[in-house]
């Protein structure tokens, strides 16, 4: 049986080599997957009356959602900063069109 931890480490290494955009997309998918997994567990645990575990998972879900929101802000900030970088001659020509 394959070792999921080893596979995940390999995915992270590959994503790291591909650049920040790929890493951000990887983090986004990973956090969304974890949130979906927790939401599924909560639904099942509610049926079984495991209210304390449901409450703990709800707190964990909120923390992961906060991390996901932080990731989105980081990604947006990086994209905005990247858009503001000069792009050579063509970028300089277009930059003049938007100046006041």
N, C-alpha and C. Protein backbone atom coordinates (compact mmCIF):
# COMPACT_ATOMS: atom_id res chain seq x y z
N UNK A 1 0.84 -1.18 0.00
CA UNK A 1 0.00 0.00 0.00
C UNK A 1 0.89 1.24 0.00
N UNK A 2 0.62 2.21 -0.87
CA UNK A 2 1.45 3.42 -0.93
C UNK A 2 1.32 4.25 0.35
N UNK A 3 2.41 4.89 0.69
CA UNK A 3 2.45 5.74 1.88
C UNK A 3 1.94 7.13 1.51
N UNK A 4 0.74 7.54 2.01
CA UNK A 4 0.17 8.83 1.62
C UNK A 4 1.02 10.02 2.06
N UNK A 5 1.72 9.89 3.19
CA UNK A 5 2.58 10.99 3.65
C UNK A 5 3.73 11.19 2.68
N UNK A 6 4.34 10.08 2.25
CA UNK A 6 5.44 10.17 1.29
C UNK A 6 4.96 10.79 -0.02
N UNK A 7 3.79 10.35 -0.50
CA UNK A 7 3.24 10.90 -1.74
C UNK A 7 2.97 12.39 -1.61
N UNK A 8 2.42 12.81 -0.48
CA UNK A 8 2.12 14.22 -0.29
C UNK A 8 3.41 15.05 -0.26
N UNK A 9 4.45 14.55 0.40
CA UNK A 9 5.72 15.27 0.42
C UNK A 9 6.27 15.42 -0.99
N UNK A 10 6.11 14.39 -1.79
CA UNK A 10 6.58 14.44 -3.17
C UNK A 10 5.80 15.50 -3.96
N UNK A 11 4.48 15.55 -3.75
CA UNK A 11 3.67 16.56 -4.43
C UNK A 11 4.10 17.96 -4.05
N UNK A 12 4.41 18.17 -2.77
CA UNK A 12 4.85 19.48 -2.31
C UNK A 12 6.18 19.84 -2.95
N UNK A 13 7.10 18.88 -3.03
CA UNK A 13 8.40 19.15 -3.65
C UNK A 13 8.25 19.52 -5.12
N UNK A 14 7.38 18.81 -5.82
CA UNK A 14 7.15 19.11 -7.23
C UNK A 14 6.53 20.49 -7.38
N UNK A 15 5.54 20.79 -6.56
CA UNK A 15 4.88 22.10 -6.62
C UNK A 15 5.88 23.21 -6.31
N UNK A 16 6.77 22.99 -5.38
CA UNK A 16 7.74 24.02 -5.00
C UNK A 16 8.64 24.37 -6.18
N UNK A 17 9.01 23.36 -6.94
CA UNK A 17 9.88 23.59 -8.09
C UNK A 17 9.16 24.35 -9.21
N UNK A 18 7.86 24.26 -9.27
CA UNK A 18 7.11 24.88 -10.37
C UNK A 18 6.83 26.36 -10.14
N UNK A 19 7.00 26.87 -8.94
CA UNK A 19 6.81 28.28 -8.70
C UNK A 19 5.65 28.57 -7.76
N UNK A 20 5.57 29.83 -7.35
CA UNK A 20 4.60 30.22 -6.32
C UNK A 20 3.16 30.07 -6.78
N UNK A 21 2.86 30.31 -8.04
CA UNK A 21 1.48 30.18 -8.50
C UNK A 21 0.98 28.75 -8.37
N UNK A 22 1.83 27.81 -8.71
CA UNK A 22 1.46 26.40 -8.59
C UNK A 22 1.32 26.02 -7.12
N UNK A 23 2.23 26.54 -6.29
CA UNK A 23 2.14 26.25 -4.86
C UNK A 23 0.86 26.81 -4.28
N UNK A 24 0.51 28.03 -4.65
CA UNK A 24 -0.73 28.64 -4.13
C UNK A 24 -1.95 27.82 -4.55
N UNK A 25 -1.96 27.37 -5.79
CA UNK A 25 -3.07 26.53 -6.26
C UNK A 25 -3.10 25.21 -5.50
N UNK A 26 -1.93 24.65 -5.23
CA UNK A 26 -1.84 23.41 -4.48
C UNK A 26 -2.39 23.61 -3.07
N UNK A 27 -1.96 24.69 -2.40
CA UNK A 27 -2.44 24.97 -1.05
C UNK A 27 -3.96 25.17 -1.04
N UNK A 28 -4.45 25.87 -2.05
CA UNK A 28 -5.89 26.10 -2.15
C UNK A 28 -6.65 24.78 -2.25
N UNK A 29 -6.20 23.92 -3.15
CA UNK A 29 -6.86 22.61 -3.31
C UNK A 29 -6.76 21.78 -2.04
N UNK A 30 -5.60 21.80 -1.41
CA UNK A 30 -5.39 21.03 -0.20
C UNK A 30 -6.32 21.50 0.93
N UNK A 31 -6.39 22.81 1.14
CA UNK A 31 -7.25 23.33 2.20
C UNK A 31 -8.72 23.07 1.91
N UNK A 32 -9.13 23.23 0.64
CA UNK A 32 -10.52 22.91 0.29
C UNK A 32 -10.84 21.45 0.52
N UNK A 33 -9.90 20.56 0.19
CA UNK A 33 -10.10 19.13 0.41
C UNK A 33 -10.25 18.82 1.89
N UNK A 34 -9.42 19.43 2.71
CA UNK A 34 -9.49 19.20 4.16
C UNK A 34 -10.83 19.71 4.69
N UNK A 35 -11.26 20.88 4.22
CA UNK A 35 -12.55 21.41 4.67
C UNK A 35 -13.70 20.49 4.28
N UNK A 36 -13.67 19.98 3.06
CA UNK A 36 -14.72 19.06 2.61
C UNK A 36 -14.71 17.78 3.44
N UNK A 37 -13.52 17.29 3.76
CA UNK A 37 -13.40 16.09 4.58
C UNK A 37 -13.99 16.32 5.97
N UNK A 38 -13.67 17.46 6.57
CA UNK A 38 -14.20 17.77 7.89
C UNK A 38 -15.71 17.95 7.84
N UNK A 39 -16.20 18.64 6.81
CA UNK A 39 -17.65 18.83 6.69
C UNK A 39 -18.37 17.48 6.56
N UNK A 40 -17.79 16.55 5.82
CA UNK A 40 -18.36 15.22 5.69
C UNK A 40 -18.37 14.48 7.02
N UNK A 41 -17.27 14.59 7.76
CA UNK A 41 -17.19 13.94 9.07
C UNK A 41 -18.22 14.53 10.03
N UNK A 42 -18.39 15.85 9.98
CA UNK A 42 -19.37 16.51 10.85
C UNK A 42 -20.78 15.98 10.57
N UNK A 43 -21.14 15.85 9.30
CA UNK A 43 -22.47 15.35 8.95
C UNK A 43 -22.70 13.95 9.52
N UNK A 44 -21.72 13.10 9.40
CA UNK A 44 -21.85 11.73 9.91
C UNK A 44 -21.91 11.73 11.43
N UNK A 45 -21.06 12.52 12.05
CA UNK A 45 -21.01 12.56 13.52
C UNK A 45 -22.28 13.14 14.12
N UNK A 46 -22.91 14.08 13.41
CA UNK A 46 -24.19 14.63 13.90
C UNK A 46 -25.24 13.54 13.96
N UNK A 47 -25.26 12.69 12.95
CA UNK A 47 -26.23 11.58 12.92
C UNK A 47 -26.00 10.65 14.11
N UNK A 48 -24.75 10.44 14.47
CA UNK A 48 -24.42 9.55 15.58
C UNK A 48 -24.45 10.24 16.94
N UNK A 49 -24.83 11.52 16.96
CA UNK A 49 -24.96 12.24 18.22
C UNK A 49 -23.65 12.57 18.91
N UNK A 50 -22.60 12.77 18.16
CA UNK A 50 -21.29 13.07 18.73
C UNK A 50 -21.08 14.58 18.79
N UNK A 51 -21.88 15.24 19.63
CA UNK A 51 -21.92 16.70 19.65
C UNK A 51 -20.59 17.34 20.05
N UNK A 52 -19.87 16.73 20.98
CA UNK A 52 -18.59 17.33 21.39
C UNK A 52 -17.57 17.28 20.25
N UNK A 53 -17.51 16.15 19.56
CA UNK A 53 -16.60 16.02 18.42
C UNK A 53 -17.01 16.97 17.30
N UNK A 54 -18.31 17.12 17.09
CA UNK A 54 -18.81 18.04 16.06
C UNK A 54 -18.40 19.47 16.39
N UNK A 55 -18.49 19.83 17.66
CA UNK A 55 -18.10 21.18 18.08
C UNK A 55 -16.60 21.40 17.85
N UNK A 56 -15.79 20.42 18.22
CA UNK A 56 -14.34 20.53 18.00
C UNK A 56 -14.00 20.63 16.52
N UNK A 57 -14.67 19.84 15.71
CA UNK A 57 -14.42 19.90 14.27
C UNK A 57 -14.89 21.23 13.68
N UNK A 58 -15.97 21.77 14.24
CA UNK A 58 -16.43 23.09 13.80
C UNK A 58 -15.38 24.16 14.05
N UNK A 59 -14.73 24.08 15.20
CA UNK A 59 -13.65 25.03 15.52
C UNK A 59 -12.47 24.84 14.57
N UNK A 60 -12.13 23.58 14.30
CA UNK A 60 -11.04 23.29 13.37
C UNK A 60 -11.37 23.81 11.97
N UNK A 61 -12.62 23.64 11.57
CA UNK A 61 -13.05 24.10 10.26
C UNK A 61 -12.92 25.62 10.16
N UNK A 62 -13.29 26.33 11.21
CA UNK A 62 -13.16 27.79 11.21
C UNK A 62 -11.69 28.20 11.08
N UNK A 63 -10.80 27.50 11.78
CA UNK A 63 -9.38 27.81 11.70
C UNK A 63 -8.84 27.56 10.29
N UNK A 64 -9.28 26.47 9.68
CA UNK A 64 -8.83 26.16 8.31
C UNK A 64 -9.41 27.18 7.33
N UNK A 65 -10.64 27.59 7.52
CA UNK A 65 -11.23 28.62 6.66
C UNK A 65 -10.46 29.93 6.80
N UNK A 66 -10.01 30.26 8.01
CA UNK A 66 -9.18 31.45 8.20
C UNK A 66 -7.87 31.34 7.43
N UNK A 67 -7.26 30.16 7.50
CA UNK A 67 -6.02 29.93 6.75
C UNK A 67 -6.26 30.05 5.25
N UNK A 68 -7.40 29.54 4.80
CA UNK A 68 -7.75 29.61 3.38
C UNK A 68 -7.95 31.07 2.96
N UNK A 69 -8.59 31.85 3.81
CA UNK A 69 -8.79 33.27 3.52
C UNK A 69 -7.44 34.01 3.48
N UNK A 70 -6.56 33.67 4.41
CA UNK A 70 -5.22 34.27 4.42
C UNK A 70 -4.48 33.93 3.14
N UNK A 71 -4.60 32.71 2.71
CA UNK A 71 -3.97 32.28 1.46
C UNK A 71 -4.51 33.08 0.28
N UNK A 72 -5.82 33.30 0.26
CA UNK A 72 -6.43 34.06 -0.83
C UNK A 72 -5.91 35.50 -0.85
N UNK A 73 -5.75 36.09 0.33
CA UNK A 73 -5.22 37.46 0.41
C UNK A 73 -3.78 37.49 -0.09
N UNK A 74 -2.98 36.52 0.33
CA UNK A 74 -1.59 36.44 -0.12
C UNK A 74 -1.52 36.30 -1.64
N UNK A 75 -2.35 35.43 -2.17
CA UNK A 75 -2.35 35.20 -3.62
C UNK A 75 -2.76 36.47 -4.36
N UNK A 76 -3.81 37.13 -3.87
CA UNK A 76 -4.28 38.37 -4.50
C UNK A 76 -3.22 39.46 -4.43
N UNK A 77 -2.60 39.60 -3.26
CA UNK A 77 -1.56 40.63 -3.09
C UNK A 77 -0.39 40.38 -4.03
N UNK A 78 0.01 39.12 -4.14
CA UNK A 78 1.12 38.78 -5.03
C UNK A 78 0.76 39.05 -6.48
N UNK A 79 -0.47 38.75 -6.86
CA UNK A 79 -0.89 39.01 -8.24
C UNK A 79 -0.93 40.50 -8.54
N UNK A 80 -1.43 41.28 -7.60
CA UNK A 80 -1.47 42.73 -7.79
C UNK A 80 -0.06 43.29 -7.90
N UNK A 81 0.84 42.83 -7.01
CA UNK A 81 2.23 43.30 -7.06
C UNK A 81 2.88 42.91 -8.38
N UNK A 82 2.56 41.73 -8.86
CA UNK A 82 3.12 41.27 -10.12
C UNK A 82 2.61 42.09 -11.30
N UNK A 83 1.34 42.46 -11.24
CA UNK A 83 0.77 43.28 -12.31
C UNK A 83 1.38 44.68 -12.34
N UNK A 84 1.82 45.15 -11.21
CA UNK A 84 2.41 46.50 -11.13
C UNK A 84 3.87 46.53 -11.55
N UNK A 85 4.50 45.36 -11.69
CA UNK A 85 5.90 45.31 -12.11
C UNK A 85 6.01 45.73 -13.57
N UNK A 86 7.08 46.44 -13.92
CA UNK A 86 7.27 46.79 -15.33
C UNK A 86 7.46 45.55 -16.18
N UNK A 87 6.98 45.61 -17.41
CA UNK A 87 7.03 44.45 -18.30
C UNK A 87 7.91 44.71 -19.51
N UNK A 88 8.87 45.55 -19.38
CA UNK A 88 9.73 45.84 -20.52
C UNK A 88 9.13 46.94 -21.37
N UNK A 89 9.51 46.99 -22.61
CA UNK A 89 9.06 48.06 -23.51
C UNK A 89 7.56 48.04 -23.68
N UNK A 90 6.98 46.90 -23.93
CA UNK A 90 5.53 46.81 -24.13
C UNK A 90 4.79 47.24 -22.86
N UNK A 91 5.28 46.80 -21.70
CA UNK A 91 4.67 47.19 -20.44
C UNK A 91 4.76 48.68 -20.22
N UNK A 92 5.89 49.30 -20.59
CA UNK A 92 6.05 50.74 -20.44
C UNK A 92 5.09 51.50 -21.35
N UNK A 93 4.87 50.99 -22.56
CA UNK A 93 3.96 51.66 -23.48
C UNK A 93 2.54 51.63 -22.94
N UNK A 94 2.10 50.49 -22.39
CA UNK A 94 0.76 50.38 -21.84
C UNK A 94 0.62 51.14 -20.54
N UNK A 95 1.68 51.25 -19.78
CA UNK A 95 1.63 51.96 -18.49
C UNK A 95 1.30 53.43 -18.72
N UNK A 96 1.78 54.00 -19.81
CA UNK A 96 1.50 55.40 -20.10
C UNK A 96 0.05 55.67 -20.40
N UNK A 97 -0.69 54.65 -20.87
CA UNK A 97 -2.09 54.82 -21.19
C UNK A 97 -2.95 55.02 -19.95
N UNK A 98 -2.49 54.50 -18.81
CA UNK A 98 -3.30 54.52 -17.61
C UNK A 98 -2.92 55.62 -16.63
N UNK A 99 -1.94 56.41 -16.96
CA UNK A 99 -1.52 57.47 -16.05
C UNK A 99 -2.46 58.67 -16.15
N UNK A 100 -2.57 59.36 -15.00
CA UNK A 100 -3.40 60.58 -14.97
C UNK A 100 -2.61 61.79 -15.42
